[in-house]
Amino acid sequence: MQIAALFRLDGRTAIVTGGASRFGSPISRALAQAGANVMIASRRLQPCEELALELREEGLSAHALQVDLADDDSIRQLAQACAEKFGGIDILVNNAVSREFADELEELDRTSVMASMEVNIAGQISMVQAVLPYMKRRGGGSILFLSSVNALTAPKFSLMTEHRKSPANYTMEKWGINGLTKWLAARYGKDNIRVNSLCPGTFDPDMFKQSENAAYIRNVMEYRPISRFMCAAEVAGPALFLVSDAASYCTGVLLAVDGGYSL
């Protein structure tokens, strides 16, 4: 058995929603470097096209399509177009999210809560529904959700600052994604479809450019056992592991990638 071969994705097709975003970009790049045909999708098409072009110039297989996770027709069209282009769908990375979050519970209202859930819960479910028939046709597949360390532990409010807080509806949605991961894993394991969640800590390179974040950065680094913030490779590596054959016996896993923050 060649261990390195277990991480290869040659001949497989992956959709990465929010595929050119902070988390999506390193994951899209990793899957393409592992040999997958990667469809980079987002409501904002231009960044996806730019990343896809960059990857193609490196000799990798990457293309871009627009998708609106608040629109079921848009979701179905993405899945259909991807399957027609590459002959099927093997991997879904459900990463795209809406950011309709308020810092404090008192600032939330029903409209903003439902607007966020339209994408972050309903859109995630619709995306899974759209790819399931293609995965079943292939004899299996792998679905990966991008959840959060916030869905593994209570917020550490003592570490928060005026500029870095923990929104209540964000936490609620991510706990919901972890529950959905478990449900889907239990339901579709017999179809050889694995479903897992990556639960990362803060990954925001731009945060270090803003002086108002200094106190938050210091607080978290002092609290966390691994006293630094994660880098792009530490997002991409675990994601590649979970969608590859290296994790072929892993389903329903909620993998913390947080430097020990959730301990």
C-alpha atoms as a PDB file:
ATOM      1  CA  MET A   1       0.000   0.000   0.000  1.00  0.00           C
ATOM      2  CA  GLN A   2       1.348   3.396  -1.030  1.00  0.00           C
ATOM      3  CA  ILE A   3       0.258   5.843   1.669  1.00  0.00           C
ATOM      4  CA  ALA A   4       0.688   8.932  -0.501  1.00  0.00           C
ATOM      5  CA  ALA A   5      -1.672   7.447  -3.096  1.00  0.00           C
ATOM      6  CA  LEU A   6      -4.516   7.484  -0.557  1.00  0.00           C
ATOM      7  CA  PHE A   7      -4.477  11.275  -0.658  1.00  0.00           C
ATOM      8  CA  ARG A   8      -4.709  11.457  -4.453  1.00  0.00           C
ATOM      9  CA  LEU A   9      -7.979  12.494  -6.100  1.00  0.00           C
ATOM     10  CA  ASP A  10      -7.117  11.741  -9.725  1.00  0.00           C
ATOM     11  CA  GLY A  11     -10.198  11.413 -11.907  1.00  0.00           C
ATOM     12  CA  ARG A  12     -12.567  12.726  -9.248  1.00  0.00           C
ATOM     13  CA  THR A  13     -14.694  15.829  -9.452  1.00  0.00           C
ATOM     14  CA  ALA A  14     -15.189  18.243  -6.570  1.00  0.00           C
ATOM     15  CA  ILE A  15     -17.458  21.226  -6.036  1.00  0.00           C
ATOM     16  CA  VAL A  16     -16.214  23.807  -3.544  1.00  0.00           C
ATOM     17  CA  THR A  17     -18.815  26.441  -2.658  1.00  0.00           C
ATOM     18  CA  GLY A  18     -17.364  29.741  -1.568  1.00  0.00           C
ATOM     19  CA  GLY A  19     -14.419  28.285  -3.428  1.00  0.00           C
ATOM     20  CA  ALA A  20     -12.332  31.454  -3.656  1.00  0.00           C
ATOM     21  CA  SER A  21     -12.901  32.627  -0.075  1.00  0.00           C
ATOM     22  CA  ARG A  22     -10.571  32.489   2.937  1.00  0.00           C
ATOM     23  CA  PHE A  23     -11.225  28.796   3.574  1.00  0.00           C
ATOM     24  CA  GLY A  24     -12.382  27.905   0.086  1.00  0.00           C
ATOM     25  CA  SER A  25      -9.288  29.085  -1.759  1.00  0.00           C
ATOM     26  CA  PRO A  26      -6.709  26.870   0.005  1.00  0.00           C
ATOM     27  CA  ILE A  27      -9.115  23.933  -0.123  1.00  0.00           C
ATOM     28  CA  SER A  28      -9.792  24.387  -3.856  1.00  0.00           C
ATOM     29  CA  ARG A  29      -6.060  24.601  -4.476  1.00  0.00           C
ATOM     30  CA  ALA A  30      -5.330  21.483  -2.404  1.00  0.00           C
ATOM     31  CA  LEU A  31      -7.967  19.379  -4.156  1.00  0.00           C
ATOM     32  CA  ALA A  32      -6.718  20.488  -7.565  1.00  0.00           C
ATOM     33  CA  GLN A  33      -3.106  19.725  -6.610  1.00  0.00           C
ATOM     34  CA  ALA A  34      -4.256  16.268  -5.502  1.00  0.00           C
ATOM     35  CA  GLY A  35      -5.564  15.654  -9.025  1.00  0.00           C
ATOM     36  CA  ALA A  36      -9.269  16.506  -8.772  1.00  0.00           C
ATOM     37  CA  ASN A  37     -11.317  18.410 -11.305  1.00  0.00           C
ATOM     38  CA  VAL A  38     -12.410  21.325  -9.128  1.00  0.00           C
ATOM     39  CA  MET A  39     -15.491  23.445  -9.737  1.00  0.00           C
ATOM     40  CA  ILE A  40     -15.017  26.676  -7.797  1.00  0.00           C
ATOM     41  CA  ALA A  41     -18.430  28.198  -7.115  1.00  0.00           C
ATOM     42  CA  SER A  42     -19.713  31.308  -5.397  1.00  0.00           C
ATOM     43  CA  ARG A  43     -22.295  34.064  -5.716  1.00  0.00           C
ATOM     44  CA  ARG A  44     -19.382  36.322  -6.693  1.00  0.00           C
ATOM     45  CA  LEU A  45     -18.097  34.798  -9.920  1.00  0.00           C
ATOM     46  CA  GLN A  46     -15.036  36.965 -10.627  1.00  0.00           C
ATOM     47  CA  PRO A  47     -12.842  35.741  -7.715  1.00  0.00           C
ATOM     48  CA  CYS A  48     -13.708  32.156  -8.659  1.00  0.00           C
ATOM     49  CA  GLU A  49     -12.718  32.737 -12.283  1.00  0.00           C
ATOM     50  CA  GLU A  50      -9.461  34.367 -11.210  1.00  0.00           C
ATOM     51  CA  LEU A  51      -8.529  31.438  -8.957  1.00  0.00           C
ATOM     52  CA  ALA A  52      -9.560  28.867 -11.567  1.00  0.00           C
ATOM     53  CA  LEU A  53      -7.397  30.612 -14.187  1.00  0.00           C
ATOM     54  CA  GLU A  54      -4.449  30.703 -11.785  1.00  0.00           C
ATOM     55  CA  LEU A  55      -4.790  26.967 -11.118  1.00  0.00           C
ATOM     56  CA  ARG A  56      -5.118  26.123 -14.828  1.00  0.00           C
ATOM     57  CA  GLU A  57      -1.938  28.088 -15.507  1.00  0.00           C
ATOM     58  CA  GLU A  58      -0.266  25.707 -13.032  1.00  0.00           C
ATOM     59  CA  GLY A  59      -1.489  22.765 -15.127  1.00  0.00           C
ATOM     60  CA  LEU A  60      -4.362  21.872 -12.799  1.00  0.00           C
ATOM     61  CA  SER A  61      -8.018  21.211 -13.597  1.00  0.00           C
ATOM     62  CA  ALA A  62     -10.201  24.025 -12.263  1.00  0.00           C
ATOM     63  CA  HIS A  63     -13.241  25.877 -13.515  1.00  0.00           C
ATOM     64  CA  ALA A  64     -15.639  28.450 -12.092  1.00  0.00           C
ATOM     65  CA  LEU A  65     -19.407  28.758 -11.954  1.00  0.00           C
ATOM     66  CA  GLN A  66     -21.766  31.107 -10.182  1.00  0.00           C
ATOM     67  CA  VAL A  67     -24.163  29.798  -7.546  1.00  0.00           C
ATOM     68  CA  ASP A  68     -26.649  31.450  -5.222  1.00  0.00           C
ATOM     69  CA  LEU A  69     -27.265  29.233  -2.207  1.00  0.00           C
ATOM     70  CA  ALA A  70     -30.513  31.067  -1.536  1.00  0.00           C
ATOM     71  CA  ASP A  71     -31.851  29.857  -4.911  1.00  0.00           C
ATOM     72  CA  ASP A  72     -32.575  26.148  -5.383  1.00  0.00           C
ATOM     73  CA  ASP A  73     -32.634  26.453  -9.188  1.00  0.00           C
ATOM     74  CA  SER A  74     -29.160  27.975  -9.121  1.00  0.00           C
ATOM     75  CA  ILE A  75     -27.940  25.111  -6.920  1.00  0.00           C
ATOM     76  CA  ARG A  76     -29.412  22.442  -9.218  1.00  0.00           C
ATOM     77  CA  GLN A  77     -27.912  24.156 -12.267  1.00  0.00           C
ATOM     78  CA  LEU A  78     -24.472  24.134 -10.651  1.00  0.00           C
ATOM     79  CA  ALA A  79     -24.650  20.406  -9.911  1.00  0.00           C
ATOM     80  CA  GLN A  80     -25.949  19.595 -13.376  1.00  0.00           C
ATOM     81  CA  ALA A  81     -23.349  21.725 -15.161  1.00  0.00           C
ATOM     82  CA  CYS A  82     -20.541  20.208 -13.107  1.00  0.00           C
ATOM     83  CA  ALA A  83     -21.714  16.652 -13.756  1.00  0.00           C
ATOM     84  CA  GLU A  84     -22.108  17.311 -17.477  1.00  0.00           C
ATOM     85  CA  LYS A  85     -18.652  18.855 -17.750  1.00  0.00           C
ATOM     86  CA  PHE A  86     -16.753  16.210 -15.801  1.00  0.00           C
ATOM     87  CA  GLY A  87     -19.008  13.157 -16.024  1.00  0.00           C
ATOM     88  CA  GLY A  88     -20.138  13.098 -12.410  1.00  0.00           C
ATOM     89  CA  ILE A  89     -19.630  14.490  -8.909  1.00  0.00           C
ATOM     90  CA  ASP A  90     -17.544  12.764  -6.238  1.00  0.00           C
ATOM     91  CA  ILE A  91     -16.851  15.456  -3.636  1.00  0.00           C
ATOM     92  CA  LEU A  92     -18.783  18.391  -2.225  1.00  0.00           C
ATOM     93  CA  VAL A  93     -17.157  20.931   0.058  1.00  0.00           C
ATOM     94  CA  ASN A  94     -20.008  22.944   1.563  1.00  0.00           C
ATOM     95  CA  ASN A  95     -18.137  26.082   2.548  1.00  0.00           C
ATOM     96  CA  ALA A  96     -20.086  29.143   1.344  1.00  0.00           C
ATOM     97  CA  VAL A  97     -21.922  31.121   4.021  1.00  0.00           C
ATOM     98  CA  SER A  98     -23.943  34.271   4.395  1.00  0.00           C
ATOM     99  CA  ARG A  99     -22.670  36.767   6.955  1.00  0.00           C
ATOM    100  CA  GLU A 100     -25.931  38.143   8.318  1.00  0.00           C
ATOM    101  CA  PHE A 101     -24.626  38.129  11.879  1.00  0.00           C
ATOM    102  CA  ALA A 102     -25.093  40.565  14.748  1.00  0.00           C
ATOM    103  CA  ASP A 103     -22.523  40.815  17.514  1.00  0.00           C
ATOM    104  CA  GLU A 104     -25.080  40.803  20.326  1.00  0.00           C
ATOM    105  CA  LEU A 105     -28.282  38.833  20.779  1.00  0.00           C
ATOM    106  CA  GLU A 106     -30.213  42.033  21.448  1.00  0.00           C
ATOM    107  CA  GLU A 107     -29.310  43.266  17.961  1.00  0.00           C
ATOM    108  CA  LEU A 108     -30.867  40.281  16.176  1.00  0.00           C
ATOM    109  CA  ASP A 109     -34.316  40.267  14.647  1.00  0.00           C
ATOM    110  CA  ARG A 110     -36.345  37.576  12.948  1.00  0.00           C
ATOM    111  CA  THR A 111     -35.628  38.931   9.462  1.00  0.00           C
ATOM    112  CA  SER A 112     -31.847  38.840   9.823  1.00  0.00           C
ATOM    113  CA  VAL A 113     -31.903  35.426  11.508  1.00  0.00           C
ATOM    114  CA  MET A 114     -33.998  33.908   8.716  1.00  0.00           C
ATOM    115  CA  ALA A 115     -31.936  35.614   5.995  1.00  0.00           C
ATOM    116  CA  SER A 116     -28.783  34.023   7.386  1.00  0.00           C
ATOM    117  CA  MET A 117     -30.363  30.578   7.735  1.00  0.00           C
ATOM    118  CA  GLU A 118     -31.630  30.784   4.148  1.00  0.00           C
ATOM    119  CA  VAL A 119     -28.039  30.213   3.022  1.00  0.00           C
ATOM    120  CA  ASN A 120     -26.257  28.737   6.034  1.00  0.00           C
ATOM    121  CA  ILE A 121     -28.796  25.999   6.759  1.00  0.00           C
ATOM    122  CA  ALA A 122     -31.338  25.678   3.938  1.00  0.00           C
ATOM    123  CA  GLY A 123     -28.725  26.350   1.251  1.00  0.00           C
ATOM    124  CA  GLN A 124     -26.382  23.723   2.685  1.00  0.00           C
ATOM    125  CA  ILE A 125     -29.174  21.137   2.656  1.00  0.00           C
ATOM    126  CA  SER A 126     -30.192  22.034  -0.904  1.00  0.00           C
ATOM    127  CA  MET A 127     -26.595  21.698  -2.069  1.00  0.00           C
ATOM    128  CA  VAL A 128     -26.406  18.200  -0.596  1.00  0.00           C
ATOM    129  CA  GLN A 129     -29.742  17.280  -2.189  1.00  0.00           C
ATOM    130  CA  ALA A 130     -28.436  18.413  -5.565  1.00  0.00           C
ATOM    131  CA  VAL A 131     -25.287  16.270  -5.539  1.00  0.00           C
ATOM    132  CA  LEU A 132     -26.658  13.104  -3.911  1.00  0.00           C
ATOM    133  CA  PRO A 133     -28.058  11.553  -7.112  1.00  0.00           C
ATOM    134  CA  TYR A 134     -24.741  12.026  -8.900  1.00  0.00           C
ATOM    135  CA  MET A 135     -22.788  10.517  -5.999  1.00  0.00           C
ATOM    136  CA  LYS A 136     -25.115   7.526  -5.826  1.00  0.00           C
ATOM    137  CA  ARG A 137     -24.648   7.038  -9.574  1.00  0.00           C
ATOM    138  CA  ARG A 138     -20.877   6.976  -8.981  1.00  0.00           C
ATOM    139  CA  GLY A 139     -21.243   4.411  -6.207  1.00  0.00           C
ATOM    140  CA  GLY A 140     -20.282   6.798  -3.425  1.00  0.00           C
ATOM    141  CA  GLY A 141     -18.823  10.149  -2.553  1.00  0.00           C
ATOM    142  CA  SER A 142     -17.577  12.473   0.142  1.00  0.00           C
ATOM    143  CA  ILE A 143     -19.259  15.553   1.600  1.00  0.00           C
ATOM    144  CA  LEU A 144     -17.369  17.990   3.786  1.00  0.00           C
ATOM    145  CA  PHE A 145     -18.942  20.844   5.732  1.00  0.00           C
ATOM    146  CA  LEU A 146     -16.947  23.815   6.959  1.00  0.00           C
ATOM    147  CA  SER A 147     -18.217  24.205  10.496  1.00  0.00           C
ATOM    148  CA  SER A 148     -16.413  25.977  13.336  1.00  0.00           C
ATOM    149  CA  VAL A 149     -14.736  25.534  16.684  1.00  0.00           C
ATOM    150  CA  ASN A 150     -17.741  27.554  17.904  1.00  0.00           C
ATOM    151  CA  ALA A 151     -19.801  24.404  17.326  1.00  0.00           C
ATOM    152  CA  LEU A 152     -17.641  22.340  19.676  1.00  0.00           C
ATOM    153  CA  THR A 153     -17.519  24.496  22.779  1.00  0.00           C
ATOM    154  CA  ALA A 154     -19.193  27.450  24.430  1.00  0.00           C
ATOM    155  CA  PRO A 155     -17.877  30.843  23.306  1.00  0.00           C
ATOM    156  CA  LYS A 156     -14.919  32.130  25.304  1.00  0.00           C
ATOM    157  CA  PHE A 157     -16.468  35.523  26.024  1.00  0.00           C
ATOM    158  CA  SER A 158     -13.599  36.505  28.300  1.00  0.00           C
ATOM    159  CA  LEU A 159     -11.312  36.503  25.243  1.00  0.00           C
ATOM    160  CA  MET A 160     -13.567  38.663  23.105  1.00  0.00           C
ATOM    161  CA  THR A 161     -13.111  42.371  22.520  1.00  0.00           C
ATOM    162  CA  GLU A 162     -15.204  45.203  21.185  1.00  0.00           C
ATOM    163  CA  HIS A 163     -14.027  44.373  17.668  1.00  0.00           C
ATOM    164  CA  ARG A 164     -14.057  40.551  17.802  1.00  0.00           C
ATOM    165  CA  LYS A 165     -17.182  38.908  19.175  1.00  0.00           C
ATOM    166  CA  SER A 166     -19.115  35.642  18.939  1.00  0.00           C
ATOM    167  CA  PRO A 167     -22.522  36.095  17.256  1.00  0.00           C
ATOM    168  CA  ALA A 168     -25.330  33.942  18.650  1.00  0.00           C
ATOM    169  CA  ASN A 169     -26.878  32.967  15.319  1.00  0.00           C
ATOM    170  CA  TYR A 170     -23.476  32.008  13.856  1.00  0.00           C
ATOM    171  CA  THR A 171     -22.932  29.614  16.768  1.00  0.00           C
ATOM    172  CA  MET A 172     -26.461  28.226  16.423  1.00  0.00           C
ATOM    173  CA  GLU A 173     -26.016  27.581  12.708  1.00  0.00           C
ATOM    174  CA  LYS A 174     -22.667  25.853  13.113  1.00  0.00           C
ATOM    175  CA  TRP A 175     -24.038  23.554  15.823  1.00  0.00           C
ATOM    176  CA  GLY A 176     -26.830  22.800  13.366  1.00  0.00           C
ATOM    177  CA  ILE A 177     -24.306  21.921  10.652  1.00  0.00           C
ATOM    178  CA  ASN A 178     -22.603  19.485  13.019  1.00  0.00           C
ATOM    179  CA  GLY A 179     -25.967  17.844  13.734  1.00  0.00           C
ATOM    180  CA  LEU A 180     -26.697  17.664  10.014  1.00  0.00           C
ATOM    181  CA  THR A 181     -23.296  16.055   9.461  1.00  0.00           C
ATOM    182  CA  LYS A 182     -24.141  13.279  11.916  1.00  0.00           C
ATOM    183  CA  TRP A 183     -27.600  12.754  10.398  1.00  0.00           C
ATOM    184  CA  LEU A 184     -26.324  12.567   6.821  1.00  0.00           C
ATOM    185  CA  ALA A 185     -23.446  10.273   7.778  1.00  0.00           C
ATOM    186  CA  ALA A 186     -25.832   7.845   9.454  1.00  0.00           C
ATOM    187  CA  ARG A 187     -28.376   7.998   6.647  1.00  0.00           C
ATOM    188  CA  TYR A 188     -26.119   7.681   3.588  1.00  0.00           C
ATOM    189  CA  GLY A 189     -23.287   5.491   4.822  1.00  0.00           C
ATOM    190  CA  LYS A 190     -24.974   2.504   3.155  1.00  0.00           C
ATOM    191  CA  ASP A 191     -24.645   4.368  -0.129  1.00  0.00           C
ATOM    192  CA  ASN A 192     -20.889   4.680   0.443  1.00  0.00           C
ATOM    193  CA  ILE A 193     -21.254   8.426   0.938  1.00  0.00           C
ATOM    194  CA  ARG A 194     -19.152   9.794   3.780  1.00  0.00           C
ATOM    195  CA  VAL A 195     -20.056  13.058   5.508  1.00  0.00           C
ATOM    196  CA  ASN A 196     -17.703  14.936   7.822  1.00  0.00           C
ATOM    197  CA  SER A 197     -17.211  18.425   9.243  1.00  0.00           C
ATOM    198  CA  LEU A 198     -14.065  20.465   9.599  1.00  0.00           C
ATOM    199  CA  CYS A 199     -14.254  22.689  12.684  1.00  0.00           C
ATOM    200  CA  PRO A 200     -11.484  25.295  12.357  1.00  0.00           C
ATOM    201  CA  GLY A 201     -10.487  28.063  14.691  1.00  0.00           C
ATOM    202  CA  THR A 202      -9.998  31.623  13.492  1.00  0.00           C
ATOM    203  CA  PHE A 203      -8.398  31.849  10.057  1.00  0.00           C
ATOM    204  CA  ASP A 204      -8.273  35.478   8.998  1.00  0.00           C
ATOM    205  CA  PRO A 205      -4.895  36.658   7.669  1.00  0.00           C
ATOM    206  CA  ASP A 206      -6.236  40.199   7.219  1.00  0.00           C
ATOM    207  CA  MET A 207      -6.931  40.379  10.961  1.00  0.00           C
ATOM    208  CA  PHE A 208      -3.259  41.063  11.643  1.00  0.00           C
ATOM    209  CA  LYS A 209      -3.322  44.192   9.479  1.00  0.00           C
ATOM    210  CA  GLN A 210      -5.862  45.905  11.734  1.00  0.00           C
ATOM    211  CA  SER A 211      -4.566  47.430  14.957  1.00  0.00           C
ATOM    212  CA  GLU A 212      -7.947  47.135  16.704  1.00  0.00           C
ATOM    213  CA  ASN A 213      -7.534  43.342  16.694  1.00  0.00           C
ATOM    214  CA  ALA A 214      -4.321  43.384  18.761  1.00  0.00           C
ATOM    215  CA  ALA A 215      -6.034  42.676  22.094  1.00  0.00           C
ATOM    216  CA  TYR A 216      -8.060  39.781  20.665  1.00  0.00           C
ATOM    217  CA  ILE A 217      -4.983  38.270  19.031  1.00  0.00           C
ATOM    218  CA  ARG A 218      -3.050  38.494  22.294  1.00  0.00           C
ATOM    219  CA  ASN A 219      -5.916  37.001  24.330  1.00  0.00           C
ATOM    220  CA  VAL A 220      -6.378  34.018  22.049  1.00  0.00           C
ATOM    221  CA  MET A 221      -2.679  33.289  21.677  1.00  0.00           C
ATOM    222  CA  GLU A 222      -2.233  33.310  25.460  1.00  0.00           C
ATOM    223  CA  TYR A 223      -5.242  31.003  25.941  1.00  0.00           C
ATOM    224  CA  ARG A 224      -4.647  28.477  23.162  1.00  0.00           C
ATOM    225  CA  PRO A 225      -2.238  25.566  23.843  1.00  0.00           C
ATOM    226  CA  ILE A 226      -0.696  26.026  20.389  1.00  0.00           C
ATOM    227  CA  SER A 227      -0.189  29.748  20.773  1.00  0.00           C
ATOM    228  CA  ARG A 228      -0.534  30.954  17.189  1.00  0.00           C
ATOM    229  CA  PHE A 229      -3.221  31.213  14.527  1.00  0.00           C
ATOM    230  CA  MET A 230      -3.645  28.655  11.762  1.00  0.00           C
ATOM    231  CA  CYS A 231      -2.196  29.057   8.267  1.00  0.00           C
ATOM    232  CA  ALA A 232      -3.651  28.103   4.881  1.00  0.00           C
ATOM    233  CA  ALA A 233      -1.933  24.703   4.780  1.00  0.00           C
ATOM    234  CA  GLU A 234      -3.533  23.828   8.103  1.00  0.00           C
ATOM    235  CA  VAL A 235      -6.935  24.391   6.526  1.00  0.00           C
ATOM    236  CA  ALA A 236      -6.139  22.564   3.300  1.00  0.00           C
ATOM    237  CA  GLY A 237      -4.431  19.486   4.758  1.00  0.00           C
ATOM    238  CA  PRO A 238      -7.263  18.300   7.030  1.00  0.00           C
ATOM    239  CA  ALA A 239      -9.834  19.050   4.311  1.00  0.00           C
ATOM    240  CA  LEU A 240      -7.917  16.962   1.779  1.00  0.00           C
ATOM    241  CA  PHE A 241      -7.598  14.149   4.320  1.00  0.00           C
ATOM    242  CA  LEU A 242     -11.326  14.032   5.037  1.00  0.00           C
ATOM    243  CA  VAL A 243     -12.424  13.929   1.375  1.00  0.00           C
ATOM    244  CA  SER A 244      -9.729  11.453   0.282  1.00  0.00           C
ATOM    245  CA  ASP A 245      -9.381   7.690   0.620  1.00  0.00           C
ATOM    246  CA  ALA A 246      -6.988   8.306   3.505  1.00  0.00           C
ATOM    247  CA  ALA A 247     -10.182   8.894   5.534  1.00  0.00           C
ATOM    248  CA  SER A 248     -12.225   6.126   3.883  1.00  0.00           C
ATOM    249  CA  TYR A 249     -13.322   4.756   7.274  1.00  0.00           C
ATOM    250  CA  CYS A 250     -14.196   8.184   8.700  1.00  0.00           C
ATOM    251  CA  THR A 251     -17.760   9.433   8.606  1.00  0.00           C
ATOM    252  CA  GLY A 252     -19.701  11.649  10.972  1.00  0.00           C
ATOM    253  CA  VAL A 253     -16.392  13.103  12.186  1.00  0.00           C
ATOM    254  CA  LEU A 254     -16.270  16.612  13.634  1.00  0.00           C
ATOM    255  CA  LEU A 255     -12.575  17.407  13.266  1.00  0.00           C
ATOM    256  CA  ALA A 256     -11.301  20.263  15.396  1.00  0.00           C
ATOM    257  CA  VAL A 257      -8.470  22.216  13.763  1.00  0.00           C
ATOM    258  CA  ASP A 258      -8.099  24.857  16.413  1.00  0.00           C
ATOM    259  CA  GLY A 259      -4.727  24.578  18.138  1.00  0.00           C
ATOM    260  CA  GLY A 260      -6.428  23.212  21.246  1.00  0.00           C
ATOM    261  CA  TYR A 261      -8.866  26.109  21.644  1.00  0.00           C
ATOM    262  CA  SER A 262     -11.808  23.750  22.282  1.00  0.00           C
ATOM    263  CA  LEU A 263     -10.070  21.645  24.934  1.00  0.00           C
END
